[in-house]
Amino acid sequence: MTTFTLFIFIIMIMVGGVAVDLMHFESERIRMQNTLDSAILAAADRDQDLSPKAVVMDYFDKAGLGDYISESDITVDQDTAVTYRTVSATASQTINTHFMKMTGIDTLDVPSSGTATESIGDLEISLVLDVSGSMKGTKIANLRSAAEQFVTKILAQSEDDTTSFSIVPYSTQVNVGSELLAQYTVNDAHNYSHCVNFDEDDFQSLSLSTSDALDQTAPTDGWYEWRKDSTDWDDRYETCMVSVWDTSITDPVTNTLGADTSREVIAFESDETVLHNYISTLPAYGNTSIDIGVKWGVTLLDPDTRDVVSNLLDDEDHPFEGRPFDYDYVYGNKILVVMTDGIHTSQPVLDDSLRSGLSPIYVNNNDGEFSVVDYGNSSSSDDDTYWWSYDDDWHDLPYGEPATIKTTDWDRQRVCRYYPGYGNYCRWEYVEVIEEVPVVGIAEQYNYVDLFANYSQEYVENEIMDDAYGNGSSEGNVYSTNNSMEFVGTSTKNTRLKNICDAAKDGDKITIYAIGYEVTTDSKLVMQDCASTINHYFDVDDSEPGNTIEDAFGTIATSINKLKLIQ
């Protein structure tokens, strides 16, 4: 029993000794692996100017492990422009055993290896920029500079044809442009705007159907009494209006047919000069609809938009053919940067009853005189009577062919009269002659889209309908701002923004950076809620050095770099 007990005791000592040796081995392995991981991460950082191999060696020397690695154990892969850098290293040391010698094992090899890389990889970026009226002056100038520097920095650290930019300027609306809008189906299509009105469901999804009809924004202005040929046309307030007759207009919210295109969405562009030229001309005016801007921004990152992008590129060999790439594409990242300097403001939308169909108003194509058809016969017992602006009276036909007007002329005639006791007395007199003369020109009936593209609702109410029916008429009141338009308010737009941001963040599909540019507390909270995390929100103020709009864009550009261990 004594011999057996001693044998068991020796076995226990040997097993315990082996555990001690293994613990020592694991401790040294973790120490060396942690040192190697830290060293190659630092060496792969493209912002440091030292030799990557020197960085790794320095880490090991300072950790007292310099004897276990040499420069030949380190490999560095990078291009000339250092748009990416991959650093791999191996290290090994040999430790002596204490108890395992009894089993014939005198030493243990402690290996460590790893690879770290920093690169942007394939990038899809949507810049959603506030160009509302509050951005005028210094703010829009600073935004242009910051956005240009952002583009330059991202492209400088990217391989060619790996980074695509889409820029979505927004104010009251988003002008997507004729080419992009043509990829979608729209209700009551017209050429007066390239905007669409979204409903609540549209903000629950990142995709946007090309087959389901979208509500194309109708031209409208409910605040000013203007007509297309008025001298104050350039100063009118527009919600989503397009000039088709005057290409000199410099600041419509949306436009087409050769008019100003400075705020049309630009999609999947990588040419630095094109992007800079576009950004440098962005004007500022209008209300604020962050929700619509973000909706278009995420749509241009959504894989379901791939066919749309392919049609826009119109080139099978284009480097961005096949984009937007899938959300789970491991070598790519989808980034949305949204900035604002304010809060959501009301978005006016023309009432459905005035968006399509024929209006009661005609215009003569020769002299511009109006006719108003009285379908309700409120001013006459005749069927479909017409008021004319020509004479402020009602007639059986609109003012145009084949209607006639009475003209009065004076004919000089010699008139003789007999006066008893005096005889005939003759003199020259002017005699009134009344003739029926055909109206020159055709009376063309406006549909509602064309009517409000030419005249504001206030003009229609005050200068046409009230002239026909009397001031304050019920017929004219239909066109008042309160009755002709609906308004999407701040609270509704905040909810819409939250919904679309939540959809983008779900499953980390899209990384959202949000910038509040000298904003209120309420706006700050809204933008923080949109950002991917609290650390993805930037509260900037140009009066604070180091916290300007340019600083925010610079930090975002830096953080987009991917520095990670891949082995």
Protein backbone atom coordinates (compact mmCIF):
# COMPACT_ATOMS: atom_id res chain seq x y z
CA MET A 1 0.00 0.00 0.00
CA THR A 2 2.88 2.37 0.80
CA THR A 3 4.44 1.77 -2.62
CA PHE A 4 1.08 2.23 -4.34
CA THR A 5 0.43 5.43 -2.41
CA LEU A 6 3.83 6.86 -3.38
CA PHE A 7 3.17 5.97 -6.99
CA ILE A 8 -0.19 7.77 -6.97
CA PHE A 9 1.42 10.79 -5.27
CA ILE A 10 4.13 11.00 -7.95
CA ILE A 11 1.48 10.75 -10.68
CA MET A 12 -0.47 13.60 -9.04
CA ILE A 13 2.67 15.76 -8.90
CA MET A 14 3.35 15.05 -12.56
CA VAL A 15 -0.22 15.95 -13.62
CA GLY A 16 -0.15 19.13 -11.53
CA GLY A 17 3.25 20.00 -12.95
CA VAL A 18 2.01 19.57 -16.50
CA ALA A 19 -0.87 21.97 -15.71
CA VAL A 20 1.62 24.53 -14.39
CA ASP A 21 3.72 24.24 -17.55
CA LEU A 22 0.61 24.61 -19.74
CA MET A 23 -0.53 27.67 -17.79
CA HIS A 24 2.87 29.21 -18.31
CA PHE A 25 2.65 28.40 -22.02
CA GLU A 26 -0.82 29.96 -22.36
CA SER A 27 0.20 33.07 -20.46
CA GLU A 28 3.16 33.66 -22.77
CA ARG A 29 1.03 32.90 -25.85
CA ILE A 30 -1.64 35.45 -24.89
CA ARG A 31 1.01 38.03 -24.05
CA MET A 32 2.73 37.61 -27.39
CA GLN A 33 -0.50 37.39 -29.42
CA ASN A 34 -1.86 40.59 -27.83
CA THR A 35 1.42 42.35 -28.58
CA LEU A 36 1.34 41.14 -32.17
CA ASP A 37 -2.31 42.17 -32.68
CA SER A 38 -1.66 45.66 -31.33
CA ALA A 39 1.50 45.97 -33.41
CA ILE A 40 -0.02 45.01 -36.76
CA LEU A 41 -3.13 47.17 -36.15
CA ALA A 42 -0.89 50.16 -35.54
CA ALA A 43 1.29 49.28 -38.52
CA ALA A 44 -1.73 48.95 -40.84
CA ASP A 45 -2.95 52.45 -39.98
CA ARG A 46 -2.50 54.44 -43.19
CA ASP A 47 -2.32 57.74 -41.29
CA GLN A 48 0.98 56.92 -39.57
CA ASP A 49 4.15 57.83 -41.47
CA LEU A 50 6.58 55.24 -40.04
CA SER A 51 7.59 52.07 -41.78
CA PRO A 52 5.02 49.36 -40.94
CA LYS A 53 7.81 46.89 -40.15
CA ALA A 54 9.49 49.40 -37.85
CA VAL A 55 6.21 49.90 -35.99
CA VAL A 56 5.81 46.17 -35.39
CA MET A 57 9.42 45.78 -34.22
CA ASP A 58 9.06 48.75 -31.87
CA TYR A 59 5.96 47.24 -30.24
CA PHE A 60 7.78 43.95 -29.59
CA ASP A 61 10.90 45.71 -28.27
CA LYS A 62 8.91 47.77 -25.78
CA ALA A 63 7.08 44.61 -24.64
CA GLY A 64 10.39 42.83 -24.06
CA LEU A 65 9.65 40.38 -26.85
CA GLY A 66 11.99 41.73 -29.51
CA ASP A 67 14.06 38.53 -29.60
CA TYR A 68 11.11 36.55 -30.89
CA ILE A 69 10.45 38.37 -34.18
CA SER A 70 12.50 39.78 -37.07
CA GLU A 71 11.62 41.99 -40.04
CA SER A 72 11.64 38.91 -42.24
CA ASP A 73 8.64 37.66 -40.25
CA ILE A 74 6.63 40.73 -41.30
CA THR A 75 4.96 41.27 -44.71
CA VAL A 76 3.35 44.47 -45.93
CA ASP A 77 0.95 44.78 -48.87
CA GLN A 78 -0.10 48.24 -50.08
CA ASP A 79 -0.51 50.17 -53.33
CA THR A 80 1.49 53.21 -54.36
CA ALA A 81 -1.17 55.66 -53.20
CA VAL A 82 -1.65 53.68 -49.96
CA THR A 83 -5.40 53.42 -50.48
CA TYR A 84 -5.12 50.17 -48.54
CA ARG A 85 -2.51 48.50 -46.33
CA THR A 86 -2.34 44.92 -45.10
CA VAL A 87 0.25 43.87 -42.51
CA SER A 88 0.91 40.23 -41.60
CA ALA A 89 3.36 38.97 -38.98
CA THR A 90 4.44 35.80 -37.18
CA ALA A 91 6.41 35.45 -33.98
CA SER A 92 7.60 32.52 -31.94
CA GLN A 93 9.46 31.82 -28.72
CA THR A 94 10.56 28.67 -26.93
CA ILE A 95 9.97 28.18 -23.22
CA ASN A 96 11.55 25.56 -20.97
CA THR A 97 9.28 23.17 -19.10
CA HIS A 98 9.67 22.30 -15.44
CA PHE A 99 7.51 19.27 -14.81
CA MET A 100 6.88 18.04 -18.35
CA LYS A 101 10.55 17.08 -18.50
CA MET A 102 9.54 14.03 -16.55
CA THR A 103 7.54 13.00 -19.61
CA GLY A 104 10.39 13.73 -22.00
CA ILE A 105 9.20 17.19 -23.13
CA ASP A 106 11.90 19.73 -22.33
CA THR A 107 10.57 22.77 -24.25
CA LEU A 108 7.36 24.20 -25.76
CA ASP A 109 7.10 26.47 -28.83
CA VAL A 110 4.83 29.49 -28.38
CA PRO A 111 3.59 30.70 -31.81
CA SER A 112 1.55 33.79 -32.70
CA SER A 113 0.41 35.20 -36.03
CA GLY A 114 -2.06 37.66 -37.44
CA THR A 115 -3.06 39.97 -40.26
CA ALA A 116 -4.52 43.46 -40.05
CA THR A 117 -5.81 45.62 -42.87
CA GLU A 118 -7.07 49.12 -43.32
CA SER A 119 -9.01 50.04 -46.43
CA ILE A 120 -12.23 51.70 -47.40
CA GLY A 121 -13.19 48.89 -49.72
CA ASP A 122 -16.25 49.35 -51.93
CA LEU A 123 -18.28 52.32 -50.79
CA GLU A 124 -21.72 53.68 -51.61
CA ILE A 125 -22.31 57.10 -50.08
CA SER A 126 -25.46 59.21 -50.05
CA LEU A 127 -24.96 62.83 -49.02
CA VAL A 128 -28.30 64.31 -47.95
CA LEU A 129 -27.76 68.07 -47.71
CA ASP A 130 -30.00 70.80 -46.33
CA VAL A 131 -30.30 73.63 -48.86
CA SER A 132 -33.32 75.37 -47.32
CA GLY A 133 -33.66 79.12 -46.97
CA SER A 134 -32.07 79.23 -43.51
CA MET A 135 -28.81 77.99 -45.07
CA LYS A 136 -28.35 81.16 -47.13
CA GLY A 137 -25.15 83.14 -46.79
CA THR A 138 -22.23 81.86 -44.74
CA LYS A 139 -23.82 78.51 -43.93
CA ILE A 140 -24.30 77.36 -47.51
CA ALA A 141 -20.77 78.54 -48.34
CA ASN A 142 -19.33 76.54 -45.43
CA LEU A 143 -21.40 73.49 -46.37
CA ARG A 144 -20.13 73.61 -49.95
CA SER A 145 -16.52 73.77 -48.75
CA ALA A 146 -17.00 70.96 -46.22
CA ALA A 147 -18.75 68.68 -48.71
CA GLU A 148 -16.08 69.27 -51.36
CA GLN A 149 -13.30 68.43 -48.88
CA PHE A 150 -15.20 65.32 -47.81
CA VAL A 151 -15.43 64.11 -51.40
CA THR A 152 -11.75 64.80 -51.98
CA LYS A 153 -10.64 62.96 -48.83
CA ILE A 154 -12.79 59.91 -49.49
CA LEU A 155 -11.67 59.61 -53.10
CA ALA A 156 -8.00 60.14 -52.15
CA GLN A 157 -8.09 57.13 -49.85
CA SER A 158 -10.11 54.95 -52.23
CA GLU A 159 -9.04 52.74 -55.07
CA ASP A 160 -10.34 53.82 -58.46
CA ASP A 161 -13.95 52.89 -59.22
CA THR A 162 -14.68 51.65 -55.71
CA THR A 163 -16.55 54.64 -54.27
CA SER A 164 -19.80 56.04 -55.63
CA PHE A 165 -21.48 59.24 -54.46
CA SER A 166 -25.13 60.18 -54.64
CA ILE A 167 -25.98 63.71 -53.53
CA VAL A 168 -29.53 64.55 -52.48
CA PRO A 169 -30.14 68.26 -51.83
CA TYR A 170 -33.43 68.89 -50.07
CA SER A 171 -35.56 71.82 -48.98
CA THR A 172 -39.35 71.70 -49.23
CA GLN A 173 -38.98 68.88 -51.70
CA VAL A 174 -36.34 66.82 -53.51
CA ASN A 175 -35.88 67.38 -57.23
CA VAL A 176 -34.82 63.96 -58.53
CA GLY A 177 -34.49 65.16 -62.12
CA SER A 178 -36.16 63.96 -65.30
CA GLU A 179 -33.93 60.93 -65.93
CA LEU A 180 -34.31 59.43 -62.47
CA LEU A 181 -38.04 60.17 -62.26
CA ALA A 182 -38.53 58.53 -65.68
CA GLN A 183 -37.53 55.20 -64.09
CA TYR A 184 -40.65 55.28 -61.92
CA THR A 185 -44.38 55.24 -62.57
CA VAL A 186 -46.18 58.44 -61.61
CA ASN A 187 -49.82 59.53 -61.38
CA ASP A 188 -51.03 62.30 -63.67
CA ALA A 189 -47.59 62.67 -65.21
CA HIS A 190 -46.59 66.16 -66.33
CA ASN A 191 -43.43 68.13 -67.07
CA TYR A 192 -43.76 70.81 -64.41
CA SER A 193 -41.89 69.06 -61.61
CA HIS A 194 -39.58 66.18 -60.86
CA CYS A 195 -40.74 65.65 -57.29
CA VAL A 196 -43.05 63.08 -55.73
CA ASN A 197 -45.18 63.19 -52.60
CA PHE A 198 -44.71 60.22 -50.26
CA ASP A 199 -47.24 58.75 -47.83
CA GLU A 200 -46.70 57.12 -44.45
CA ASP A 201 -46.03 53.63 -45.80
CA ASP A 202 -43.20 54.84 -48.01
CA PHE A 203 -41.13 55.64 -44.90
CA GLN A 204 -41.44 52.09 -43.56
CA SER A 205 -39.35 50.64 -46.38
CA LEU A 206 -35.96 51.41 -47.93
CA SER A 207 -37.07 50.34 -51.40
CA LEU A 208 -39.25 52.29 -53.81
CA SER A 209 -41.36 50.43 -56.34
CA THR A 210 -40.92 51.31 -59.99
CA SER A 211 -44.33 49.85 -60.90
CA ASP A 212 -46.60 51.23 -58.18
CA ALA A 213 -47.70 54.73 -59.19
CA LEU A 214 -46.07 57.55 -57.25
CA ASP A 215 -47.86 60.81 -56.54
CA GLN A 216 -46.05 63.33 -58.74
CA THR A 217 -45.98 66.75 -57.12
CA ALA A 218 -48.23 69.26 -58.84
CA PRO A 219 -47.11 72.87 -59.40
CA THR A 220 -48.56 75.10 -56.72
CA ASP A 221 -48.13 78.41 -54.94
CA GLY A 222 -50.67 79.48 -52.37
CA TRP A 223 -48.88 82.51 -50.91
CA TYR A 224 -48.32 85.05 -53.67
CA GLU A 225 -50.53 86.56 -56.33
CA TRP A 226 -48.48 85.92 -59.43
CA ARG A 227 -48.86 84.90 -63.03
CA LYS A 228 -46.21 83.61 -65.39
CA ASP A 229 -45.70 86.94 -67.18
CA SER A 230 -45.62 89.11 -64.06
CA THR A 231 -42.52 91.11 -63.17
CA ASP A 232 -42.21 89.45 -59.77
CA TRP A 233 -42.19 85.92 -61.26
CA ASP A 234 -38.59 85.33 -60.16
CA ASP A 235 -39.47 86.22 -56.57
CA ARG A 236 -42.36 83.83 -56.12
CA TYR A 237 -42.36 81.11 -53.48
CA GLU A 238 -42.32 77.66 -55.02
CA THR A 239 -42.90 74.27 -53.44
CA CYS A 240 -42.08 72.06 -56.39
CA MET A 241 -42.51 74.29 -59.40
CA VAL A 242 -40.83 74.13 -62.79
CA SER A 243 -40.33 76.92 -65.29
CA VAL A 244 -40.95 75.79 -68.84
CA TRP A 245 -41.09 79.23 -70.40
CA ASP A 246 -38.30 81.16 -68.73
CA THR A 247 -34.93 79.46 -68.43
CA SER A 248 -33.44 82.50 -66.71
CA ILE A 249 -35.10 81.58 -63.44
CA THR A 250 -32.33 80.68 -61.00
CA ASP A 251 -34.06 79.25 -57.96
CA PRO A 252 -37.02 76.96 -58.53
CA VAL A 253 -37.24 74.00 -56.19
CA THR A 254 -37.53 71.68 -59.14
CA ASN A 255 -37.23 72.35 -62.80
CA THR A 256 -36.98 70.82 -66.24
CA LEU A 257 -36.91 71.51 -69.97
CA GLY A 258 -33.66 73.44 -69.95
CA ALA A 259 -34.29 75.43 -66.79
CA ASP A 260 -31.87 75.58 -63.85
CA THR A 261 -30.83 72.09 -62.71
CA SER A 262 -28.56 73.04 -59.82
CA ARG A 263 -30.52 71.03 -57.26
CA GLU A 264 -31.35 67.88 -59.16
CA VAL A 265 -30.19 64.69 -57.45
CA ILE A 266 -26.87 63.42 -58.75
CA ALA A 267 -26.57 59.63 -58.53
CA PHE A 268 -23.61 57.20 -58.57
CA GLU A 269 -20.90 59.64 -59.55
CA SER A 270 -17.18 59.30 -58.79
CA ASP A 271 -15.63 62.07 -60.86
CA GLU A 272 -14.18 64.56 -58.37
CA THR A 273 -14.47 67.51 -60.77
CA VAL A 274 -18.11 66.76 -61.56
CA LEU A 275 -18.94 66.42 -57.86
CA HIS A 276 -17.10 69.62 -56.92
CA ASN A 277 -18.74 71.63 -59.70
CA TYR A 278 -22.14 70.38 -58.61
CA ILE A 279 -21.62 71.09 -54.92
CA SER A 280 -20.15 74.55 -55.55
CA THR A 281 -23.36 75.83 -57.17
CA LEU A 282 -25.91 74.56 -54.65
CA PRO A 283 -28.33 77.42 -53.85
CA ALA A 284 -30.35 77.78 -50.64
CA TYR A 285 -34.10 78.53 -50.43
CA GLY A 286 -37.35 76.88 -49.39
CA ASN A 287 -38.66 75.01 -46.35
CA THR A 288 -37.15 71.92 -44.68
CA SER A 289 -38.10 68.29 -45.41
CA ILE A 290 -35.35 66.10 -43.96
CA ASP A 291 -37.60 63.05 -44.21
CA ILE A 292 -37.92 63.28 -48.00
CA GLY A 293 -34.17 63.83 -48.37
CA VAL A 294 -33.35 60.73 -46.30
CA LYS A 295 -35.99 58.69 -48.13
CA TRP A 296 -34.30 59.34 -51.46
CA GLY A 297 -30.86 58.92 -49.88
CA VAL A 298 -31.57 55.39 -48.64
CA THR A 299 -33.45 54.47 -51.80
CA LEU A 300 -30.28 55.13 -53.78
CA LEU A 301 -28.46 52.69 -51.46
CA ASP A 302 -31.10 49.97 -51.60
CA PRO A 303 -30.34 46.87 -53.75
CA ASP A 304 -33.87 47.00 -55.18
CA THR A 305 -32.79 50.19 -57.01
CA ARG A 306 -30.21 48.20 -59.03
CA ASP A 307 -32.23 48.17 -62.26
CA VAL A 308 -32.86 51.91 -61.94
CA VAL A 309 -29.14 52.61 -61.55
CA SER A 310 -28.32 50.28 -64.44
CA ASN A 311 -30.67 52.23 -66.69
CA LEU A 312 -29.15 55.52 -65.58
CA LEU A 313 -25.60 54.29 -66.23
CA ASP A 314 -26.59 52.88 -69.64
CA ASP A 315 -23.27 51.06 -69.90
CA GLU A 316 -22.79 47.38 -69.12
CA ASP A 317 -19.07 47.96 -68.59
CA HIS A 318 -19.54 50.82 -66.15
CA PRO A 319 -17.66 50.12 -62.89
CA PHE A 320 -20.84 50.75 -60.90
CA GLU A 321 -22.94 48.35 -62.92
CA GLY A 322 -24.58 45.99 -60.42
CA ARG A 323 -24.85 48.61 -57.69
CA PRO A 324 -26.30 49.19 -55.19
CA PHE A 325 -24.63 46.03 -53.90
CA ASP A 326 -26.36 43.70 -51.44
CA TYR A 327 -26.54 44.64 -47.77
CA ASP A 328 -24.51 41.58 -46.78
CA TYR A 329 -21.68 42.24 -49.24
CA VAL A 330 -18.68 41.78 -46.94
CA TYR A 331 -16.29 44.00 -48.89
CA GLY A 332 -18.57 46.99 -49.06
CA ASN A 333 -20.15 49.64 -46.89
CA LYS A 334 -23.22 51.79 -47.33
CA ILE A 335 -22.96 55.24 -45.78
CA LEU A 336 -25.59 57.95 -45.45
CA VAL A 337 -24.58 61.41 -44.22
CA VAL A 338 -27.51 63.72 -43.46
CA MET A 339 -27.17 67.29 -42.24
CA THR A 340 -29.58 70.06 -41.33
CA ASP A 341 -29.47 73.46 -39.73
CA GLY A 342 -33.09 73.48 -38.59
CA ILE A 343 -36.23 71.53 -37.91
CA HIS A 344 -38.94 70.16 -40.14
CA THR A 345 -41.27 72.82 -41.49
CA SER A 346 -44.67 72.36 -43.11
CA GLN A 347 -44.76 70.88 -46.58
CA PRO A 348 -47.68 72.09 -48.73
CA VAL A 349 -49.38 69.60 -51.04
CA LEU A 350 -52.06 70.57 -53.54
CA ASP A 351 -55.47 69.11 -52.75
CA ASP A 352 -56.32 65.95 -54.70
CA SER A 353 -59.40 67.59 -56.24
CA LEU A 354 -57.17 70.20 -57.94
CA ARG A 355 -54.39 67.89 -59.13
CA SER A 356 -55.98 66.61 -62.33
CA GLY A 357 -58.91 67.13 -64.66
CA LEU A 358 -60.30 70.24 -66.33
CA SER A 359 -60.61 73.53 -64.51
CA PRO A 360 -63.54 75.93 -65.17
CA ILE A 361 -61.14 78.51 -66.60
CA TYR A 362 -60.36 79.23 -70.27
CA VAL A 363 -57.79 81.59 -71.70
CA ASN A 364 -57.84 83.15 -75.14
CA ASN A 365 -54.66 82.25 -76.97
CA ASN A 366 -54.61 85.59 -78.77
CA ASP A 367 -55.03 88.21 -76.06
CA GLY A 368 -55.00 86.22 -72.79
CA GLU A 369 -58.54 87.17 -71.75
CA PHE A 370 -60.24 84.71 -69.39
CA SER A 371 -63.52 82.90 -69.52
CA VAL A 372 -65.09 81.06 -66.58
CA VAL A 373 -67.69 78.38 -67.17
CA ASP A 374 -70.51 78.36 -64.65
CA TYR A 375 -71.39 74.69 -64.43
CA GLY A 376 -73.72 75.41 -61.54
CA ASN A 377 -75.63 78.11 -63.44
CA SER A 378 -75.43 80.37 -60.42
CA SER A 379 -75.41 83.51 -62.58
CA SER A 380 -77.73 82.61 -65.43
CA SER A 381 -80.66 80.38 -66.29
CA ASP A 382 -78.88 79.22 -69.46
CA ASP A 383 -76.84 76.02 -69.57
CA ASP A 384 -73.07 76.32 -69.18
CA THR A 385 -72.82 80.08 -69.28
CA TYR A 386 -69.46 81.81 -69.41
CA TRP A 387 -68.13 84.91 -67.73
CA TRP A 388 -65.72 86.98 -69.79
CA SER A 389 -62.96 89.09 -68.33
CA TYR A 390 -63.16 91.06 -71.60
CA ASP A 391 -66.38 92.81 -70.58
CA ASP A 392 -67.09 91.46 -67.08
CA ASP A 393 -70.34 89.90 -68.28
CA TRP A 394 -71.85 86.48 -68.92
CA HIS A 395 -72.27 84.90 -72.37
CA ASP A 396 -73.38 81.69 -74.02
CA LEU A 397 -69.91 80.79 -75.32
CA PRO A 398 -66.36 81.15 -73.96
CA TYR A 399 -64.39 84.15 -75.18
CA GLY A 400 -62.99 82.82 -78.46
CA GLU A 401 -64.10 81.54 -81.85
CA PRO A 402 -66.99 81.18 -82.77
CA ALA A 403 -68.25 83.69 -80.18
CA THR A 404 -68.84 87.26 -81.33
CA ILE A 405 -68.60 90.62 -79.68
CA LYS A 406 -70.53 93.76 -80.36
CA THR A 407 -68.40 96.60 -81.66
CA THR A 408 -69.46 100.22 -81.78
CA ASP A 409 -68.30 102.58 -84.49
CA TRP A 410 -69.28 106.06 -85.59
CA ASP A 411 -70.05 106.75 -89.22
CA ARG A 412 -69.86 110.38 -90.46
CA GLN A 413 -73.03 111.10 -92.45
CA ARG A 414 -74.76 114.19 -93.90
CA VAL A 415 -78.09 114.44 -92.14
CA CYS A 416 -80.89 116.71 -93.35
CA ARG A 417 -83.93 117.65 -91.35
CA TYR A 418 -87.01 119.68 -92.31
CA TYR A 419 -88.02 122.43 -89.96
CA PRO A 420 -91.50 123.97 -90.60
CA GLY A 421 -91.19 127.58 -91.55
CA TYR A 422 -87.49 127.16 -92.20
CA GLY A 423 -87.14 124.36 -94.70
CA ASN A 424 -84.41 121.73 -94.87
CA TYR A 425 -81.37 122.01 -92.70
CA CYS A 426 -78.39 119.73 -93.39
CA ARG A 427 -75.23 119.07 -91.44
CA TRP A 428 -72.54 116.41 -90.94
CA GLU A 429 -73.14 114.13 -87.93
CA TYR A 430 -71.55 110.94 -86.49
CA VAL A 431 -74.03 108.08 -86.35
CA GLU A 432 -73.48 105.10 -84.01
CA VAL A 433 -73.07 101.81 -85.89
CA ILE A 434 -73.20 98.51 -83.92
CA GLU A 435 -71.73 95.39 -85.53
CA GLU A 436 -71.26 91.73 -84.44
CA VAL A 437 -67.56 90.87 -84.86
CA PRO A 438 -66.04 87.37 -84.38
CA VAL A 439 -63.72 87.04 -81.38
CA VAL A 440 -60.12 86.63 -82.49
CA GLY A 441 -58.36 83.62 -81.02
CA ILE A 442 -59.31 80.28 -79.49
CA ALA A 443 -60.60 79.83 -75.94
CA GLU A 444 -58.48 77.01 -74.53
CA GLN A 445 -59.68 75.31 -71.36
CA TYR A 446 -56.97 74.82 -68.71
CA ASN A 447 -56.54 71.55 -66.90
CA TYR A 448 -55.60 72.10 -63.27
CA VAL A 449 -51.93 71.19 -63.69
CA ASP A 450 -51.44 73.75 -66.46
CA LEU A 451 -53.53 76.35 -64.64
CA PHE A 452 -51.41 76.30 -61.49
CA ALA A 453 -48.23 76.17 -63.52
CA ASN A 454 -49.24 79.53 -64.98
CA TYR A 455 -51.09 81.20 -62.09
CA SER A 456 -50.98 80.93 -58.32
CA GLN A 457 -54.05 79.87 -56.42
CA GLU A 458 -54.28 83.36 -54.96
CA TYR A 459 -54.30 84.86 -58.44
CA VAL A 460 -57.02 82.44 -59.57
CA GLU A 461 -59.08 83.25 -56.49
CA ASN A 462 -58.72 87.05 -56.47
CA GLU A 463 -58.15 88.00 -60.10
CA ILE A 464 -60.35 85.52 -61.91
CA MET A 465 -63.00 83.78 -59.82
CA ASP A 466 -63.84 86.72 -57.56
CA ASP A 467 -64.04 89.00 -60.59
CA ALA A 468 -66.55 86.59 -62.10
CA TYR A 469 -68.64 85.87 -59.02
CA GLY A 470 -67.91 88.79 -56.71
CA ASN A 471 -65.39 89.39 -53.94
CA GLY A 472 -65.30 86.65 -51.30
CA SER A 473 -67.30 84.29 -53.51
CA SER A 474 -67.66 80.66 -52.55
CA GLU A 475 -66.44 79.75 -56.07
CA GLY A 476 -63.24 81.71 -55.51
CA ASN A 477 -62.75 80.44 -51.96
CA VAL A 478 -62.12 76.95 -53.34
CA TYR A 479 -58.71 78.24 -54.44
CA SER A 480 -57.69 79.89 -51.18
CA THR A 481 -54.55 78.53 -49.53
CA ASN A 482 -56.47 76.87 -46.70
CA ASN A 483 -58.88 75.12 -49.04
CA SER A 484 -56.62 74.27 -51.97
CA MET A 485 -53.69 72.79 -50.06
CA GLU A 486 -52.96 70.28 -47.36
CA PHE A 487 -49.94 70.60 -45.08
CA VAL A 488 -47.66 67.86 -43.80
CA GLY A 489 -46.60 69.22 -40.41
CA THR A 490 -43.49 68.99 -38.24
CA SER A 491 -44.70 66.17 -36.01
CA THR A 492 -45.69 63.97 -38.95
CA LYS A 493 -42.37 64.60 -40.69
CA ASN A 494 -40.41 63.80 -37.50
CA THR A 495 -42.21 60.45 -37.30
CA ARG A 496 -41.54 59.75 -40.96
CA LEU A 497 -37.84 60.52 -40.50
CA LYS A 498 -37.59 58.22 -37.49
CA ASN A 499 -39.28 55.40 -39.39
CA ILE A 500 -37.00 55.59 -42.43
CA CYS A 501 -33.87 55.92 -40.28
CA ASP A 502 -34.92 52.93 -38.15
CA ALA A 503 -35.47 50.88 -41.31
CA ALA A 504 -31.98 51.80 -42.55
CA LYS A 505 -30.33 50.93 -39.22
CA ASP A 506 -32.17 47.63 -38.81
CA GLY A 507 -29.57 44.89 -39.21
CA ASP A 508 -26.86 47.51 -39.74
CA LYS A 509 -27.86 47.79 -43.39
CA ILE A 510 -26.74 51.42 -43.66
CA THR A 511 -24.45 53.43 -41.40
CA ILE A 512 -26.01 56.83 -40.76
CA TYR A 513 -23.97 59.88 -39.77
CA ALA A 514 -26.09 62.89 -38.78
CA ILE A 515 -24.95 66.49 -38.46
CA GLY A 516 -26.85 69.21 -36.62
CA TYR A 517 -25.55 72.57 -37.86
CA GLU A 518 -26.20 75.08 -35.06
CA VAL A 519 -29.57 73.48 -34.36
CA THR A 520 -32.13 73.73 -31.58
CA THR A 521 -32.41 71.17 -28.80
CA ASP A 522 -35.47 69.62 -30.45
CA SER A 523 -33.70 69.27 -33.79
CA LYS A 524 -30.65 67.81 -32.06
CA LEU A 525 -32.77 65.06 -30.51
CA VAL A 526 -34.41 64.27 -33.86
CA MET A 527 -31.04 64.00 -35.61
CA GLN A 528 -29.47 61.97 -32.80
CA ASP A 529 -32.34 59.51 -33.09
CA CYS A 530 -31.67 59.18 -36.82
CA ALA A 531 -27.92 58.51 -36.43
CA SER A 532 -26.64 54.94 -36.12
CA THR A 533 -25.38 55.64 -32.59
CA ILE A 534 -24.89 58.69 -30.39
CA ASN A 535 -21.27 58.68 -31.58
CA HIS A 536 -22.46 59.03 -35.17
CA TYR A 537 -24.11 62.38 -34.42
CA PHE A 538 -22.19 65.67 -34.69
CA ASP A 539 -23.48 68.84 -33.05
CA VAL A 540 -21.47 71.54 -34.84
CA ASP A 541 -21.11 75.29 -34.39
CA ASP A 542 -18.83 77.31 -36.65
CA SER A 543 -18.09 79.72 -33.79
CA GLU A 544 -16.34 76.90 -31.89
CA PRO A 545 -12.83 76.09 -33.18
CA GLY A 546 -12.47 72.39 -33.84
CA ASN A 547 -16.23 71.90 -33.99
CA THR A 548 -17.13 73.35 -37.38
CA ILE A 549 -19.08 71.81 -40.24
CA GLU A 550 -15.76 71.09 -41.98
CA ASP A 551 -14.46 69.33 -38.85
CA ALA A 552 -17.55 67.11 -38.76
CA PHE A 553 -17.24 66.06 -42.38
CA GLY A 554 -13.50 65.48 -41.90
CA THR A 555 -14.07 63.23 -38.89
CA ILE A 556 -16.71 61.25 -40.76
CA ALA A 557 -14.36 60.75 -43.72
CA THR A 558 -11.67 59.44 -41.36
CA SER A 559 -14.03 57.11 -39.51
CA ILE A 560 -15.23 55.52 -42.73
CA ASN A 561 -11.80 53.86 -43.00
CA LYS A 562 -11.93 50.23 -41.99
CA LEU A 563 -9.06 49.20 -39.71
CA LYS A 564 -9.54 45.63 -38.59
CA LEU A 565 -7.95 42.28 -37.85
CA ILE A 566 -8.77 39.80 -40.57
CA GLN A 567 -6.77 36.83 -39.22
